[in-house]
Amino acid sequence: MDNINELKIPRHIAIILDGNGRWAKKRFLPRAMGHKAGCETLEKTVEDCARLGVEYLTVYGFSTENWKRSEEEVSALMQLFRFYMKKLVGVANENNVKVKMIGDKSRFSQDIIEGIDFLVESTKNNTGMVFIFAVNYGSRDEIRRAVAKIVENKEITANDITEELIASYLDTNGIPDPDLLIRTSGEFRISNYLLWQIAYSEVYITDTLWPDFDKAELLKAIESYNKRERRFGGR
């Protein structure tokens, strides 16, 4: 579409950032360099989405399954978190972006937990796009934790269990479900990501590896979304 102004911008975009390792391998670089390039792409994507008028952007930063990777790769990812969380404070504040974290941060080292808390606290008064960063996140784990909290509440009975009640105990409480789910690198998997929330999301798969994802690729996804007829199970 030639005129960006003619596009209907999804209120909430969720992205599975995939392909950092393959990007590095193609260039005979260590995987850590692919993750570094992916972080730089994420910065630009946050800015692009904020400027396009996206209200919510959720990205899969580190999954509960990613701990199974080599000790060397996990250690490199933790170092990137430390560096980019500090950098993201500036990026978010420059673009009036409020940052939220979803997932179970308790497994991280204390300095990373403090970095997450500082990032959230430093951007809490921003009034623009809400950027939700999923770290040590897995949707099955999120639902497990939600069920545990519901069971702990002795005032809740079986008759009280509704979709709305369950949603209120999820990490994404108060956040609208994604309109558009984007996955990079051509993989057709959900990878334990927002399983409850994407029940009626439109899905867009691109072969582009995450470090190569740019505003043009983002607009392609939004253009594809504009051609969909969302029925939410109806006719």
Protein backbone atom coordinates (compact mmCIF):
# COMPACT_ATOMS: atom_id res chain seq x y z
CA MET A 1 0.00 0.00 0.00
CA ASP A 2 1.53 3.30 -1.07
CA ASN A 3 -0.08 5.43 1.61
CA ILE A 4 0.69 4.35 5.16
CA ASN A 5 -2.11 6.60 6.37
CA GLU A 6 -4.62 4.30 4.65
CA LEU A 7 -3.55 1.33 6.76
CA LYS A 8 -5.60 0.23 9.74
CA ILE A 9 -2.95 -0.21 12.43
CA PRO A 10 -3.50 -3.23 14.72
CA ARG A 11 -4.08 -2.14 18.29
CA HIS A 12 -1.86 -4.93 19.63
CA ILE A 13 0.97 -6.68 17.77
CA ALA A 14 2.75 -9.71 19.23
CA ILE A 15 6.03 -10.94 17.75
CA ILE A 16 8.00 -14.18 18.04
CA LEU A 17 11.57 -13.05 17.40
CA ASP A 18 13.16 -15.99 15.61
CA GLY A 19 16.26 -16.47 13.50
CA ASN A 20 19.08 -14.80 15.42
CA GLY A 21 21.18 -17.99 15.44
CA ARG A 22 20.66 -18.68 11.74
CA TRP A 23 21.46 -15.05 10.91
CA ALA A 24 24.79 -15.41 12.69
CA LYS A 25 25.53 -18.82 11.17
CA LYS A 26 25.04 -17.46 7.64
CA ARG A 27 27.72 -14.88 8.42
CA PHE A 28 30.07 -17.34 10.19
CA LEU A 29 29.59 -15.43 13.44
CA PRO A 30 28.99 -16.71 16.98
CA ARG A 31 25.33 -17.04 17.99
CA ALA A 32 25.83 -14.24 20.53
CA MET A 33 26.39 -11.81 17.65
CA GLY A 34 23.04 -12.84 16.20
CA HIS A 35 21.34 -12.08 19.51
CA LYS A 36 23.11 -8.71 19.66
CA ALA A 37 21.89 -7.87 16.17
CA GLY A 38 18.41 -9.01 17.22
CA CYS A 39 18.45 -6.59 20.16
CA GLU A 40 19.33 -3.74 17.82
CA THR A 41 16.41 -4.72 15.57
CA LEU A 42 14.13 -4.77 18.61
CA GLU A 43 15.07 -1.18 19.48
CA LYS A 44 14.12 -0.01 15.98
CA THR A 45 10.91 -2.05 16.00
CA VAL A 46 9.80 -0.48 19.29
CA GLU A 47 10.36 2.97 17.76
CA ASP A 48 8.61 2.05 14.48
CA CYS A 49 5.55 0.60 16.23
CA ALA A 50 5.28 3.58 18.58
CA ARG A 51 5.44 6.03 15.69
CA LEU A 52 2.89 4.06 13.63
CA GLY A 53 0.36 4.27 16.47
CA VAL A 54 0.45 0.67 17.72
CA GLU A 55 -0.96 0.74 21.27
CA TYR A 56 0.57 -2.51 22.54
CA LEU A 57 3.62 -4.44 21.35
CA THR A 58 4.49 -7.79 22.95
CA VAL A 59 7.71 -9.64 22.08
CA TYR A 60 9.06 -13.03 23.10
CA GLY A 61 12.48 -12.22 24.56
CA PHE A 62 13.41 -15.38 26.48
CA SER A 63 11.27 -18.46 26.97
CA THR A 64 11.10 -20.92 29.84
CA GLU A 65 12.58 -23.48 27.41
CA ASN A 66 15.57 -21.28 26.50
CA TRP A 67 17.34 -22.34 29.71
CA LYS A 68 18.00 -25.66 27.92
CA ARG A 69 20.45 -23.94 25.56
CA SER A 70 24.19 -24.18 26.15
CA GLU A 71 25.57 -22.50 29.26
CA GLU A 72 27.66 -20.26 27.01
CA GLU A 73 24.65 -19.04 25.01
CA VAL A 74 22.48 -18.48 28.10
CA SER A 75 25.31 -16.53 29.74
CA ALA A 76 25.67 -14.36 26.61
CA LEU A 77 21.91 -13.70 26.59
CA MET A 78 22.02 -12.65 30.25
CA GLN A 79 24.80 -10.18 29.46
CA LEU A 80 22.73 -8.76 26.61
CA PHE A 81 19.77 -8.36 28.98
CA ARG A 82 21.94 -6.41 31.38
CA PHE A 83 23.14 -4.05 28.66
CA TYR A 84 19.94 -3.57 26.66
CA MET A 85 17.62 -3.15 29.62
CA LYS A 86 19.61 -0.05 30.53
CA LYS A 87 19.60 1.15 26.92
CA LEU A 88 15.88 0.49 26.57
CA VAL A 89 15.14 2.98 29.34
CA GLY A 90 16.33 5.76 27.04
CA VAL A 91 14.63 4.36 23.93
CA ALA A 92 11.33 3.99 25.79
CA ASN A 93 11.40 7.44 27.37
CA GLU A 94 12.38 9.12 24.09
CA ASN A 95 9.30 7.54 22.47
CA ASN A 96 6.89 7.90 25.42
CA VAL A 97 6.72 4.10 25.74
CA LYS A 98 5.67 2.33 28.94
CA VAL A 99 7.43 -1.01 29.52
CA LYS A 100 5.88 -4.04 31.21
CA MET A 101 7.44 -7.44 31.81
CA ILE A 102 5.58 -10.75 31.75
CA GLY A 103 6.94 -14.11 32.81
CA ASP A 104 8.55 -15.42 35.99
CA LYS A 105 11.52 -13.18 36.75
CA SER A 106 12.38 -15.04 39.97
CA ARG A 107 14.84 -17.36 38.20
CA PHE A 108 17.07 -14.50 37.08
CA SER A 109 20.04 -13.22 39.08
CA GLN A 110 19.32 -10.36 41.48
CA ASP A 111 20.95 -7.70 39.32
CA ILE A 112 18.80 -8.63 36.33
CA ILE A 113 15.66 -8.57 38.50
CA GLU A 114 16.68 -5.12 39.70
CA GLY A 115 17.29 -4.06 36.08
CA ILE A 116 13.79 -5.24 35.08
CA ASP A 117 12.24 -3.39 38.01
CA PHE A 118 14.19 -0.21 37.19
CA LEU A 119 13.12 -0.33 33.53
CA VAL A 120 9.45 -0.76 34.46
CA GLU A 121 9.59 1.90 37.17
CA SER A 122 11.44 4.40 34.95
CA THR A 123 8.81 4.24 32.23
CA LYS A 124 5.62 3.81 34.26
CA ASN A 125 4.42 7.38 33.71
CA ASN A 126 4.78 7.29 29.92
CA THR A 127 1.46 7.56 28.13
CA GLY A 128 2.22 6.19 24.67
CA MET A 129 2.60 2.62 23.44
CA VAL A 130 2.85 -0.16 26.02
CA PHE A 131 5.80 -2.46 25.29
CA ILE A 132 5.41 -5.89 26.90
CA PHE A 133 8.61 -7.91 27.09
CA ALA A 134 8.17 -11.64 27.78
CA VAL A 135 11.18 -12.99 29.68
CA ASN A 136 11.44 -16.42 31.28
CA TYR A 137 7.96 -16.72 29.84
CA GLY A 138 6.08 -19.79 28.68
CA SER A 139 2.33 -19.79 28.18
CA ARG A 140 1.80 -23.15 29.87
CA ASP A 141 3.77 -21.89 32.86
CA GLU A 142 1.73 -18.67 32.87
CA ILE A 143 -1.52 -20.67 32.93
CA ARG A 144 -0.11 -22.99 35.63
CA ARG A 145 0.75 -20.00 37.81
CA ALA A 146 -2.70 -18.48 37.19
CA VAL A 147 -4.44 -21.72 38.21
CA ALA A 148 -2.31 -21.93 41.36
CA LYS A 149 -3.34 -18.38 42.35
CA ILE A 150 -7.02 -19.18 41.72
CA VAL A 151 -6.81 -22.32 43.86
CA GLU A 152 -5.14 -20.32 46.65
CA ASN A 153 -8.13 -17.96 46.72
CA LYS A 154 -10.53 -19.89 48.95
CA GLU A 155 -13.38 -17.49 48.13
CA ILE A 156 -13.53 -18.64 44.49
CA THR A 157 -15.91 -21.52 43.74
CA ALA A 158 -16.30 -23.62 40.59
CA ASN A 159 -19.28 -21.49 39.55
CA ASP A 160 -17.05 -18.40 39.64
CA ILE A 161 -14.67 -19.76 37.00
CA THR A 162 -15.21 -17.77 33.81
CA GLU A 163 -12.93 -16.83 30.93
CA GLU A 164 -12.80 -13.33 32.34
CA LEU A 165 -11.72 -14.56 35.76
CA ILE A 166 -8.97 -16.76 34.31
CA ALA A 167 -7.75 -13.87 32.14
CA SER A 168 -7.56 -11.65 35.21
CA TYR A 169 -5.02 -14.02 36.78
CA LEU A 170 -2.76 -14.18 33.71
CA ASP A 171 0.39 -12.07 33.35
CA THR A 172 -1.42 -10.04 30.69
CA ASN A 173 -4.29 -8.93 32.92
CA GLY A 174 -5.60 -5.59 31.66
CA ILE A 175 -3.89 -5.92 28.27
CA PRO A 176 -6.10 -6.55 25.20
CA ASP A 177 -5.46 -9.74 23.24
CA PRO A 178 -3.13 -9.39 20.21
CA ASP A 179 -4.77 -8.55 16.90
CA LEU A 180 -1.75 -9.67 14.90
CA LEU A 181 0.91 -12.28 15.67
CA ILE A 182 4.10 -12.05 13.62
CA ARG A 183 6.71 -14.82 13.51
CA THR A 184 10.00 -14.33 11.72
CA SER A 185 12.34 -16.90 10.09
CA GLY A 186 9.59 -18.87 8.34
CA GLU A 187 8.78 -21.27 11.17
CA PHE A 188 5.12 -22.31 11.55
CA ARG A 189 5.04 -22.80 15.32
CA ILE A 190 3.49 -20.97 18.25
CA SER A 191 6.32 -22.06 20.59
CA ASN A 192 4.32 -21.88 23.84
CA TYR A 193 3.63 -18.17 23.34
CA LEU A 194 0.45 -16.42 24.52
CA LEU A 195 -1.64 -19.54 23.93
CA TRP A 196 -4.68 -18.11 25.72
CA GLN A 197 -4.36 -14.61 24.29
CA ILE A 198 -3.92 -15.42 20.58
CA ALA A 199 -7.09 -17.51 20.26
CA TYR A 200 -8.40 -15.16 17.53
CA SER A 201 -5.24 -13.33 16.49
CA GLU A 202 -4.36 -13.08 12.81
CA VAL A 203 -1.05 -14.83 12.13
CA TYR A 204 1.65 -13.59 9.74
CA ILE A 205 4.75 -15.68 8.98
CA THR A 206 7.74 -14.14 7.22
CA ASP A 207 10.91 -15.90 6.04
CA THR A 208 12.91 -12.85 7.11
CA LEU A 209 15.31 -13.61 9.96
CA TRP A 210 14.71 -11.39 12.98
CA PRO A 211 17.91 -9.28 12.71
CA ASP A 212 16.88 -8.40 9.12
CA PHE A 213 13.33 -7.42 10.12
CA ASP A 214 12.76 -3.71 9.46
CA LYS A 215 9.98 -1.17 9.02
CA ALA A 216 9.30 -2.37 5.47
CA GLU A 217 8.74 -5.93 6.77
CA LEU A 218 6.55 -4.59 9.57
CA LEU A 219 4.41 -2.73 7.06
CA LYS A 220 4.08 -5.89 4.93
CA ALA A 221 2.67 -7.68 7.98
CA ILE A 222 0.26 -4.83 8.67
CA GLU A 223 -0.81 -4.73 5.01
CA SER A 224 -1.54 -8.47 5.18
CA TYR A 225 -3.54 -7.89 8.36
CA ASN A 226 -5.58 -5.22 6.54
CA LYS A 227 -6.65 -7.80 3.96
CA ARG A 228 -8.04 -10.21 6.58
CA GLU A 229 -11.68 -10.41 7.60
CA ARG A 230 -11.74 -11.03 11.33
CA ARG A 231 -14.76 -13.17 12.29
CA PHE A 232 -13.89 -14.30 15.83
CA GLY A 233 -15.53 -17.67 15.19
CA GLY A 234 -18.60 -16.21 13.49
CA ARG A 235 -19.56 -16.13 9.83
